[in-house]
Every structure is written in C-alpha cells, then in structure tokens.
C-alpha cells in the first residue's frame, strides 16, 4: 500500500492532462503503456536485489556493492532529489486544485499549509504514518476505480445523469478523429514518456521498505507482482477513459482531468467531491515521498556518506533532522508565489522524472553486475529466492529505454530544465565523492 500510495499522485491526477494534450489520445495511452512496461522491467531487477540486500533505504547499497561506491552515493542523492522535488510538485498540484474553491488565495499559501500537514504526520510516529498512508491509498484506489467504471459506462452510452445535449461520443470516437493518433507527431509521444515515468515513480518504494519487512524473500516478490499488475490496470485504464472523454486540446494543468471527467458524466457534486479526493491523494503521495526522503538520508548517514546528525532519532524512532532537511525540497513549491504555478509544477515534475529515471537505470545496472558477479563466484541462480527473468535481456532493455526517455525531454523546452539541472547534479555527486574518498572508491566494484 505504501508503494501504491507513492505512485498514485500528481503524475496521474494532474499531469496526465499534460500528457494527453501533448501526445494526443492514442499517444498518451502509448506513453503510459511504455511506462508500465519499463516499470515491470525495473521491478523485475529490483526484486532480486531487494531480497539479496534487504536493507532499509537500500537503493544506494545495491549500486555501491554491485557497481561502485561513487555510483551508490550518486544514486542515493538522486533518489533523495526525486522525492524532495516531487514533494514540491505534489504541494503545488494541491494548491492549483484548491483554486477551484478559493480562486483569490495564492497557491504558495496552500503549499505551506499542506507541507505542515505532511510533516506532522511523518514526525508523529512510524505507526501513525503507516496507518494514515493505508487509508490515504485506499481513497486513491477507490477514486481511480470510480473514474474507470463511471467514465467507461458513459463512453459506452450509459450516462443518465449527464445534462441534456452533453452526452459523450460512443466509445473511442476521440481516437478516430484526424488528430486522434499523434496530433504533435511521434515527438509528442517521446516528450511525454518522461512524464509517464514520473507518474509511475514510487513503485520502487518497495525496495526502500524491504529492510523493514519481516520476510523479504516472500513479501517483496509478492508486493512487486501485485503492484505492477494494479498499476497497469489503474493507470492505463484511467488514461484511456480520460483520453476518450476529453478532447486533447481541451485538457491541461489548470484542472485535474479526473474533475473534468466526473463533471462531464453529470454526477451531482462529483466534481467538488473528486477535487477533495484528489487533494487527499496528492497529500498521500507527498506523505510517502517524505518518508522515503528521510529514510534515504538516514541510510546515507549510517554508511558515513552524509552528516552524522542525520542519524539522530526522536524518542519515537523518527529521524527528525533527516525529515526536516528533506522537507526543504518540498518548500521549493513556494516558488509558485512569484512564478506561474503551472510552469513551476511542470519544471518540478521534469526534474523529479529525470532523477527517478537515473535511479531506475542504476537498479537495472546493479542487477546486471550483481548477477554476473554471483555466477562468476560459483553461485547457482536456482537457489536465489527471487531471480530476475530473462537475464540479461531485462536489465539491458530497462537501462536502454530509460536512457531513450532522457533524449525525449531535450525536445521539449518546458522539460529541458531537467537536463540543465539534473546532469550537473549527477556530475557534482561523482566529483564530491571522488574528492572526499579518492579515485579508488569511485572505480567499479565488479
């Protein structure tokens, strides 16, 4: 449920509108199908690593042991960046949606309010966080199922509640219009793949929580299978309903496409109710993100790759200093007070998308080198509690598709900021590790 809570957030509830507007109906579905396929590839790699190294906040440990300490250090900070920046995008999305009820209140004020709420939930206790996140995630799942069922029924011709004259086209008429395939060409699909990847970010939280699971060899593979299957149904099903219901040139970042669909279906007060549900869902994703950020910093401090103050725990066992530092990324959403919120949101999504793709690439590479070293040392893959299928095709394909997605964002000026910020960030991490620990620690460990 933590993984589901982390994945179902602004990437589906808000930026899916941007994906449809740029890629068109069919292009948006294709982008999300590619995203789901890549998630399966990465999760297949993650399963073997998570069972082999069941350590809390373990992404950088996978890379450190299988590739090099420098790569592990960079991966850790990339993943922290993923969620620190994603926090800002979730809070900004909440502020944008609150304008439906409070159009005169600045977005940055809502960002501050929601940041305080999420911080409070995480700071109280781990048990309180887990219980809260479970119910938050359940609300989101119900919302997505309702969209698929009610929106799908309306598309099939069953829309008794819709106002007269506002009935939807039968089934997939939007897909058959002259511009329904790829209105902006295939490049429109390519530039939205990163947004789709961002929408799926959070599925790797299973690896973060593996060290806190009683029986990782049983629980982690099961969680991976169930999560990937549910994401495929929820995301692809939802994007098909959205793309079929709303013309691609009528959707964007000014309103959640979920709200637009429920308004069009004609359910009384559904738009306001869904707006509230979506805000709750976004806070849930931010809740999971802050949890992940704090655990990653704590894990870095445990490995003596971050200030030791980040290891300090409260009486309730919460890494409060790591939690506070991680919240700084969320406060980036306050930039929306002096800039266009939609622009700020898209920039944050792009940076977070770049970072999560970098982490996924490290997971794929780590599994490739881990398996190779295991076999070289005489290990029998048949004894592995979980092994990545179709090795080495799966890790190589996962790495290659992630790399291609980074090329796509260079074609979109609105998302190119991710490269301007992300590439120097990666270089700086490697350079810092090399200067602090020397060249030998930066060499591959394989």
Protein backbone atom coordinates (compact mmCIF):
# COMPACT_ATOMS: atom_id res chain seq x y z
CA UNK A 1 0.00 0.00 0.00
CA UNK A 2 2.97 2.33 0.60
CA UNK A 3 4.11 1.70 -2.98
CA UNK A 4 0.60 2.30 -4.30
CA UNK A 5 0.39 5.48 -2.23
CA UNK A 6 3.67 6.71 -3.61
CA UNK A 7 2.78 6.02 -7.23
CA UNK A 8 -0.78 7.30 -7.46
CA UNK A 9 -0.23 11.03 -7.12
CA UNK A 10 0.00 14.16 -9.24
CA UNK A 11 1.53 12.16 -12.10
CA UNK A 12 -1.87 10.54 -12.68
CA UNK A 13 -4.31 13.02 -11.16
CA UNK A 14 -2.89 16.18 -12.75
CA UNK A 15 0.00 15.79 -15.21
CA UNK A 16 -1.90 13.10 -17.14
CA UNK A 17 -3.77 16.06 -18.63
CA UNK A 18 -0.47 17.44 -19.94
CA UNK A 19 0.37 14.03 -21.40
CA UNK A 20 -2.93 13.87 -23.32
CA UNK A 21 -2.57 17.46 -24.59
CA UNK A 22 0.93 16.85 -25.92
CA UNK A 23 0.73 13.27 -27.18
CA UNK A 24 -2.95 13.06 -28.14
CA UNK A 25 -5.37 10.32 -27.05
CA UNK A 26 -3.59 7.34 -28.57
CA UNK A 27 -0.15 8.80 -27.89
CA UNK A 28 -0.97 9.24 -24.20
CA UNK A 29 -2.10 5.64 -23.88
CA UNK A 30 1.07 4.54 -25.66
CA UNK A 31 3.23 6.64 -23.31
CA UNK A 32 1.65 5.04 -20.25
CA UNK A 33 1.94 1.55 -21.73
CA UNK A 34 5.66 2.14 -22.30
CA UNK A 35 5.91 3.45 -18.74
CA UNK A 36 4.17 0.37 -17.34
CA UNK A 37 6.45 -1.93 -19.35
CA UNK A 38 9.57 -0.17 -18.08
CA UNK A 39 8.24 -0.34 -14.52
CA UNK A 40 7.87 -4.11 -14.89
CA UNK A 41 11.45 -4.39 -16.19
CA UNK A 42 12.83 -2.31 -13.32
CA UNK A 43 10.73 -4.09 -10.70
CA UNK A 44 11.95 -7.44 -12.00
CA UNK A 45 15.52 -6.24 -11.41
CA UNK A 46 14.60 -4.70 -8.06
CA UNK A 47 13.10 -7.94 -6.74
CA UNK A 48 16.38 -9.85 -6.95
CA UNK A 49 18.35 -7.01 -5.35
CA UNK A 50 15.82 -6.32 -2.58
CA UNK A 51 15.84 -9.96 -1.49
CA UNK A 52 19.64 -10.17 -1.70
CA UNK A 53 20.17 -6.90 0.22
CA UNK A 54 17.13 -6.36 2.49
CA UNK A 55 18.33 -3.06 3.98
CA UNK A 56 16.15 -0.02 4.71
CA UNK A 57 16.68 2.68 2.08
CA UNK A 58 18.75 0.25 0.06
CA UNK A 59 18.99 1.68 -3.46
CA UNK A 60 22.43 3.15 -2.97
CA UNK A 61 23.62 -0.04 -1.29
CA UNK A 62 22.63 -2.06 -4.37
CA UNK A 63 24.69 0.25 -6.57
CA UNK A 64 27.58 0.56 -4.08
CA UNK A 65 28.06 -3.20 -3.81
CA UNK A 66 27.36 -4.10 -7.43
CA UNK A 67 28.78 -1.13 -9.37
CA UNK A 68 30.88 1.28 -7.26
CA UNK A 69 30.64 3.34 -4.05
CA UNK A 70 30.58 6.54 -6.10
CA UNK A 71 27.60 5.30 -8.11
CA UNK A 72 25.87 4.26 -4.91
CA UNK A 73 26.45 7.70 -3.42
CA UNK A 74 25.10 9.40 -6.55
CA UNK A 75 22.10 7.07 -6.71
CA UNK A 76 21.20 7.86 -3.11
CA UNK A 77 21.24 11.60 -3.67
CA UNK A 78 19.36 11.21 -6.96
CA UNK A 79 16.61 9.32 -5.19
CA UNK A 80 16.51 11.88 -2.44
CA UNK A 81 16.21 14.53 -5.17
CA UNK A 82 13.39 12.56 -6.82
CA UNK A 83 11.19 12.75 -3.78
CA UNK A 84 12.36 16.09 -2.41
CA UNK A 85 11.39 17.73 -5.70
CA UNK A 86 8.30 15.55 -6.06
CA UNK A 87 7.14 16.91 -2.72
CA UNK A 88 7.14 20.35 -4.28
CA UNK A 89 5.14 19.12 -7.28
CA UNK A 90 2.54 17.45 -5.04
CA UNK A 91 2.09 20.59 -2.90
CA UNK A 92 1.92 22.80 -6.00
CA UNK A 93 -0.70 20.48 -7.53
CA UNK A 94 -2.75 20.71 -4.32
CA UNK A 95 -2.55 24.50 -4.46
CA UNK A 96 -3.65 24.53 -8.09
CA UNK A 97 -6.67 22.36 -7.29
CA UNK A 98 -7.63 24.50 -4.27
CA UNK A 99 -8.18 27.41 -6.67
CA UNK A 100 -11.45 25.74 -7.63
CA UNK A 101 -12.86 26.81 -4.23
CA UNK A 102 -10.55 29.68 -3.30
CA UNK A 103 -9.57 31.44 -6.52
CA UNK A 104 -8.26 34.52 -4.69
CA UNK A 105 -5.87 32.65 -2.36
CA UNK A 106 -2.28 32.36 -3.62
CA UNK A 107 -1.05 28.85 -4.43
CA UNK A 108 2.02 29.25 -2.20
CA UNK A 109 -0.17 29.64 0.90
CA UNK A 110 -1.75 26.24 0.30
CA UNK A 111 1.71 24.79 -0.34
CA UNK A 112 2.78 25.94 3.12
CA UNK A 113 -0.34 24.56 4.79
CA UNK A 114 -0.07 21.15 3.15
CA UNK A 115 3.66 20.94 3.84
CA UNK A 116 2.93 21.41 7.55
CA UNK A 117 0.29 18.66 7.50
CA UNK A 118 2.55 16.10 5.78
CA UNK A 119 5.48 16.92 8.04
CA UNK A 120 3.30 16.48 11.12
CA UNK A 121 2.08 13.04 10.01
CA UNK A 122 5.65 11.83 9.43
CA UNK A 123 7.04 13.35 12.61
CA UNK A 124 4.50 11.79 14.98
CA UNK A 125 5.37 8.09 14.65
CA UNK A 126 6.06 5.42 12.05
CA UNK A 127 2.91 3.54 13.07
CA UNK A 128 0.78 6.67 12.61
CA UNK A 129 2.38 7.23 9.21
CA UNK A 130 1.65 3.64 8.16
CA UNK A 131 -1.98 3.73 9.26
CA UNK A 132 -2.55 7.14 7.66
CA UNK A 133 -0.93 6.10 4.41
CA UNK A 134 -3.00 2.92 4.22
CA UNK A 135 -6.29 4.84 4.35
CA UNK A 136 -4.97 7.59 2.04
CA UNK A 137 -4.01 4.94 -0.50
CA UNK A 138 -7.41 3.27 -0.20
CA UNK A 139 -9.14 6.58 -1.01
CA UNK A 140 -7.00 6.94 -4.13
CA UNK A 141 -7.70 3.42 -5.32
CA UNK A 142 -11.45 3.99 -4.93
CA UNK A 143 -11.18 7.26 -6.88
CA UNK A 144 -9.37 5.63 -9.79
CA UNK A 145 -11.78 2.70 -9.89
CA UNK A 146 -14.72 5.12 -9.86
CA UNK A 147 -13.24 7.03 -12.82
CA UNK A 148 -12.73 3.86 -14.83
CA UNK A 149 -16.18 2.42 -14.07
CA UNK A 150 -18.31 5.58 -14.34
CA UNK A 151 -16.32 7.13 -17.18
CA UNK A 152 -16.25 3.85 -19.06
CA UNK A 153 -20.02 3.46 -18.63
CA UNK A 154 -20.60 6.95 -20.03
CA UNK A 155 -18.39 6.21 -23.03
CA UNK A 156 -20.40 3.04 -23.65
CA UNK A 157 -23.57 5.12 -23.85
CA UNK A 158 -24.81 4.85 -20.26
CA UNK A 159 -24.95 8.44 -18.99
CA UNK A 160 -28.38 9.07 -17.44
CA UNK A 161 -27.06 11.81 -15.14
CA UNK A 162 -25.36 13.89 -17.83
CA UNK A 163 -27.11 17.17 -18.79
CA UNK A 164 -29.15 17.08 -21.96
CA UNK A 165 -27.00 17.58 -25.02
CA UNK A 166 -23.74 16.78 -23.24
CA UNK A 167 -23.62 13.08 -23.93
CA UNK A 168 -20.22 11.69 -24.72
CA UNK A 169 -19.22 10.20 -28.05
CA UNK A 170 -19.70 6.45 -28.23
CA UNK A 171 -16.67 4.53 -27.02
CA UNK A 172 -13.40 5.64 -28.63
CA UNK A 173 -14.52 8.35 -31.06
CA UNK A 174 -11.75 10.68 -29.87
CA UNK A 175 -9.22 8.13 -31.08
CA UNK A 176 -10.67 8.05 -34.59
CA UNK A 177 -10.54 11.79 -35.32
CA UNK A 178 -7.94 13.04 -37.82
CA UNK A 179 -5.80 14.35 -34.95
CA UNK A 180 -6.53 11.49 -32.57
CA UNK A 181 -3.45 9.44 -33.30
CA UNK A 182 -0.44 11.72 -32.89
CA UNK A 183 -1.52 15.40 -33.17
CA UNK A 184 2.03 16.62 -32.48
CA UNK A 185 3.75 13.79 -34.31
CA UNK A 186 5.67 10.96 -32.71
CA UNK A 187 7.86 13.51 -30.94
CA UNK A 188 4.80 14.39 -28.86
CA UNK A 189 4.84 10.85 -27.51
CA UNK A 190 8.57 10.92 -26.91
CA UNK A 191 8.50 14.13 -24.87
CA UNK A 192 5.70 12.80 -22.65
CA UNK A 193 7.35 9.48 -21.85
CA UNK A 194 9.30 11.13 -19.03
CA UNK A 195 6.06 12.49 -17.57
CA UNK A 196 4.66 8.96 -17.72
CA UNK A 197 7.75 7.63 -15.98
CA UNK A 198 7.28 10.27 -13.29
CA UNK A 199 3.68 9.13 -12.91
CA UNK A 200 4.96 5.62 -12.13
CA UNK A 201 7.69 6.80 -9.77
CA UNK A 202 7.14 5.45 -6.28
CA UNK A 203 6.81 1.81 -7.26
CA UNK A 204 10.43 1.38 -6.18
CA UNK A 205 9.41 2.27 -2.60
CA UNK A 206 9.09 -1.49 -2.12
CA UNK A 207 12.88 -1.60 -2.15
CA UNK A 208 13.11 1.17 0.43
CA UNK A 209 10.78 -0.69 2.79
CA UNK A 210 12.35 -4.12 2.20
CA UNK A 211 14.63 -3.80 5.22
CA UNK A 212 11.62 -3.22 7.47
CA UNK A 213 9.74 -6.29 6.20
CA UNK A 214 9.63 -9.42 8.35
CA UNK A 215 10.16 -11.91 5.49
CA UNK A 216 11.61 -10.08 2.43
CA UNK A 217 12.08 -13.25 0.37
CA UNK A 218 8.33 -13.87 0.47
CA UNK A 219 6.82 -10.40 0.87
CA UNK A 220 8.90 -8.42 -1.64
CA UNK A 221 8.29 -10.59 -4.77
CA UNK A 222 4.57 -10.77 -3.95
CA UNK A 223 4.39 -7.00 -3.48
CA UNK A 224 6.19 -6.44 -6.78
CA UNK A 225 3.82 -8.66 -8.75
CA UNK A 226 0.67 -7.21 -7.21
CA UNK A 227 1.86 -3.59 -7.54
CA UNK A 228 2.82 -3.87 -11.21
CA UNK A 229 -0.48 -5.59 -12.09
CA UNK A 230 -2.56 -2.98 -10.27
CA UNK A 231 -0.63 -0.10 -11.77
CA UNK A 232 -1.19 -1.44 -15.26
CA UNK A 233 -4.95 -1.65 -14.68
CA UNK A 234 -5.30 1.65 -12.84
CA UNK A 235 -3.02 3.85 -14.94
CA UNK A 236 -3.73 2.56 -18.41
CA UNK A 237 -7.45 2.19 -17.65
CA UNK A 238 -7.66 5.72 -16.27
CA UNK A 239 -5.70 7.32 -19.11
CA UNK A 240 -7.89 5.55 -21.69
CA UNK A 241 -11.07 6.95 -20.09
CA UNK A 242 -9.55 10.45 -19.84
CA UNK A 243 -8.26 10.44 -23.41
CA UNK A 244 -11.56 9.11 -24.78
CA UNK A 245 -13.72 11.56 -22.80
CA UNK A 246 -11.85 14.88 -23.11
CA UNK A 247 -10.61 16.32 -26.44
CA UNK A 248 -6.82 16.55 -26.33
CA UNK A 249 -6.91 20.31 -26.96
CA UNK A 250 -9.28 20.89 -24.00
CA UNK A 251 -7.13 19.40 -21.25
CA UNK A 252 -4.11 20.81 -19.42
CA UNK A 253 -2.76 21.66 -15.98
CA UNK A 254 -5.44 24.15 -14.96
CA UNK A 255 -7.80 21.41 -13.75
CA UNK A 256 -7.45 17.73 -12.92
CA UNK A 257 -8.76 15.59 -15.81
CA UNK A 258 -10.48 13.49 -13.13
CA UNK A 259 -12.57 16.50 -12.15
CA UNK A 260 -13.32 17.23 -15.82
CA UNK A 261 -14.48 13.67 -16.47
CA UNK A 262 -16.77 13.50 -13.44
CA UNK A 263 -18.24 16.89 -14.27
CA UNK A 264 -18.95 15.70 -17.81
CA UNK A 265 -20.56 12.48 -16.56
CA UNK A 266 -23.02 14.64 -14.66
CA UNK A 267 -22.87 13.11 -11.19
CA UNK A 268 -24.20 15.69 -8.68
CA UNK A 269 -21.40 17.41 -6.75
CA UNK A 270 -18.98 14.83 -8.11
CA UNK A 271 -16.51 17.45 -9.31
CA UNK A 272 -16.13 19.03 -5.86
CA UNK A 273 -16.02 15.63 -4.19
CA UNK A 274 -13.36 14.42 -6.60
CA UNK A 275 -11.36 17.59 -6.16
CA UNK A 276 -11.26 16.86 -2.42
CA UNK A 277 -10.36 13.21 -3.01
CA UNK A 278 -7.58 14.15 -5.41
CA UNK A 279 -6.08 16.64 -2.96
CA UNK A 280 -6.13 13.88 -0.33
CA UNK A 281 -4.45 11.58 -2.82
CA UNK A 282 -1.73 14.10 -3.60
CA UNK A 283 -1.03 14.57 0.11
CA UNK A 284 -0.74 10.79 0.36
CA UNK A 285 1.93 10.74 -2.35
CA UNK A 286 3.76 13.56 -0.57
CA UNK A 287 3.45 11.60 2.67
CA UNK A 288 5.17 8.57 1.12
CA UNK A 289 7.76 10.79 -0.53
CA UNK A 290 8.81 12.48 2.69
CA UNK A 291 9.06 9.08 4.41
CA UNK A 292 11.32 7.85 1.63
CA UNK A 293 13.48 11.00 1.65
CA UNK A 294 14.11 10.83 5.37
CA UNK A 295 14.99 7.11 5.29
CA UNK A 296 17.39 7.64 2.41
CA UNK A 297 19.27 10.40 4.27
CA UNK A 298 19.30 8.26 7.42
CA UNK A 299 20.73 5.35 5.43
CA UNK A 300 23.39 7.60 3.89
CA UNK A 301 24.43 8.76 7.37
CA UNK A 302 24.58 5.11 8.51
CA UNK A 303 27.02 4.47 5.65
CA UNK A 304 29.01 7.57 6.70
CA UNK A 305 28.23 9.27 3.38
CA UNK A 306 26.21 12.09 4.93
CA UNK A 307 26.46 14.21 8.11
CA UNK A 308 26.09 12.05 11.21
CA UNK A 309 23.45 14.41 12.61
CA UNK A 310 21.03 12.81 10.13
CA UNK A 311 21.23 9.56 12.14
CA UNK A 312 19.65 11.10 15.22
CA UNK A 313 16.28 9.64 16.16
CA UNK A 314 13.49 11.06 18.24
CA UNK A 315 12.07 9.17 21.23
CA UNK A 316 9.55 7.67 18.83
CA UNK A 317 12.30 6.43 16.49
CA UNK A 318 11.77 9.12 13.83
CA UNK A 319 14.83 10.67 12.06
CA UNK A 320 13.59 14.22 12.63
CA UNK A 321 16.67 16.02 11.30
CA UNK A 322 16.62 13.96 8.10
CA UNK A 323 12.90 14.64 7.90
CA UNK A 324 13.42 18.40 8.22
CA UNK A 325 16.18 18.53 5.62
CA UNK A 326 14.03 16.55 3.20
CA UNK A 327 11.16 18.99 3.61
CA UNK A 328 13.37 21.73 2.14
CA UNK A 329 12.72 20.23 -1.31
CA UNK A 330 9.00 20.45 -0.73
CA UNK A 331 9.31 24.11 0.11
CA UNK A 332 10.55 24.66 -3.45
CA UNK A 333 6.86 24.73 -4.26
CA UNK A 334 6.75 28.17 -2.64
CA UNK A 335 8.42 29.48 -5.81
CA UNK A 336 4.89 29.41 -7.20
CA UNK A 337 4.27 32.62 -5.24
CA UNK A 338 6.42 34.55 -7.72
CA UNK A 339 6.02 32.43 -10.86
CA UNK A 340 3.24 30.78 -12.80
CA UNK A 341 2.18 27.70 -10.79
CA UNK A 342 1.63 25.58 -13.93
CA UNK A 343 5.17 26.35 -15.11
CA UNK A 344 6.68 25.63 -11.70
CA UNK A 345 4.76 22.37 -11.49
CA UNK A 346 5.96 21.13 -14.89
CA UNK A 347 9.58 22.01 -14.10
CA UNK A 348 9.39 20.14 -10.79
CA UNK A 349 7.81 17.12 -12.49
CA UNK A 350 10.56 17.10 -15.12
CA UNK A 351 13.39 17.26 -12.58
CA UNK A 352 11.78 14.53 -10.47
CA UNK A 353 11.27 12.45 -13.62
CA UNK A 354 14.94 12.82 -14.59
CA UNK A 355 16.02 11.77 -11.11
CA UNK A 356 13.79 8.71 -10.93
CA UNK A 357 14.92 7.57 -14.37
CA UNK A 358 18.51 7.85 -13.15
CA UNK A 359 17.65 5.68 -10.14
CA UNK A 360 15.90 3.12 -12.34
CA UNK A 361 18.98 2.95 -14.57
CA UNK A 362 21.16 2.28 -11.51
CA UNK A 363 18.79 -0.51 -10.37
CA UNK A 364 18.98 -2.18 -13.79
CA UNK A 365 22.77 -1.84 -13.95
CA UNK A 366 23.20 -3.06 -10.36
CA UNK A 367 21.16 -6.20 -11.05
CA UNK A 368 23.15 -6.89 -14.22
CA UNK A 369 26.51 -6.68 -12.43
CA UNK A 370 25.22 -8.39 -9.27
CA UNK A 371 24.07 -11.46 -11.19
CA UNK A 372 27.28 -11.53 -13.22
CA UNK A 373 29.43 -11.42 -10.07
CA UNK A 374 27.24 -14.05 -8.38
CA UNK A 375 27.70 -16.50 -11.26
CA UNK A 376 31.42 -15.71 -11.59
CA UNK A 377 31.93 -16.62 -7.93
CA UNK A 378 30.32 -20.02 -8.47
CA UNK A 379 26.79 -19.21 -7.34
CA UNK A 380 23.82 -21.24 -8.56
CA UNK A 381 20.98 -18.98 -9.72
CA UNK A 382 18.49 -21.74 -8.94
CA UNK A 383 18.96 -21.19 -5.21
CA UNK A 384 18.01 -17.50 -5.40
CA UNK A 385 14.77 -16.77 -3.52
CA UNK A 386 13.83 -14.43 -6.38
CA UNK A 387 15.65 -14.07 -9.66
CA UNK A 388 15.12 -11.60 -12.48
CA UNK A 389 13.63 -13.41 -15.50
CA UNK A 390 15.19 -13.38 -18.99
CA UNK A 391 18.59 -12.23 -17.75
CA UNK A 392 20.44 -10.31 -19.22
CA UNK A 393 17.75 -9.02 -21.60
CA UNK A 394 15.57 -7.46 -18.86
CA UNK A 395 18.24 -5.25 -17.19
CA UNK A 396 19.77 -4.20 -20.53
CA UNK A 397 16.37 -3.29 -22.02
CA UNK A 398 15.35 -1.40 -18.86
CA UNK A 399 18.57 0.63 -18.94
CA UNK A 400 18.24 1.39 -22.67
CA UNK A 401 14.59 2.52 -22.53
CA UNK A 402 15.30 4.79 -19.57
CA UNK A 403 18.20 6.35 -21.47
CA UNK A 404 15.96 6.97 -24.51
CA UNK A 405 13.42 8.81 -22.34
CA UNK A 406 16.10 11.32 -21.34
CA UNK A 407 16.63 12.12 -25.01
CA UNK A 408 12.94 12.91 -25.38
CA UNK A 409 12.90 15.70 -22.82
CA UNK A 410 15.57 17.58 -24.76
CA UNK A 411 12.91 18.05 -27.47
CA UNK A 412 10.53 19.85 -25.10
CA UNK A 413 11.67 23.31 -23.95
CA UNK A 414 9.31 23.11 -20.98
CA UNK A 415 11.05 19.96 -19.71
CA UNK A 416 14.62 20.62 -20.84
CA UNK A 417 15.25 22.32 -17.49
CA UNK A 418 15.53 18.81 -16.03
CA UNK A 419 18.69 18.22 -18.07
CA UNK A 420 20.17 21.61 -17.19
CA UNK A 421 19.71 20.84 -13.51
CA UNK A 422 19.97 17.04 -13.43
CA UNK A 423 23.18 16.44 -15.39
CA UNK A 424 25.28 18.92 -13.34
CA UNK A 425 23.77 17.42 -10.18
CA UNK A 426 24.98 13.93 -11.15
CA UNK A 427 28.43 15.24 -12.09
CA UNK A 428 28.67 17.15 -8.81
CA UNK A 429 27.82 14.00 -6.81
CA UNK A 430 30.52 11.95 -8.53
CA UNK A 431 33.04 14.79 -8.20
CA UNK A 432 32.30 15.29 -4.50
CA UNK A 433 32.71 11.57 -3.81
CA UNK A 434 35.96 11.45 -5.74
CA UNK A 435 37.40 14.48 -3.90
CA UNK A 436 36.35 13.16 -0.48
CA UNK A 437 37.18 9.47 -0.85
CA UNK A 438 39.69 9.33 -3.70
CA UNK A 439 39.65 7.76 -7.13
CA UNK A 440 39.85 4.15 -5.93
CA UNK A 441 36.45 4.35 -4.27
CA UNK A 442 34.94 5.67 -7.48
CA UNK A 443 36.02 2.72 -9.56
CA UNK A 444 33.66 -0.08 -10.45
CA UNK A 445 33.44 -2.85 -7.90
CA UNK A 446 32.64 -5.51 -10.48
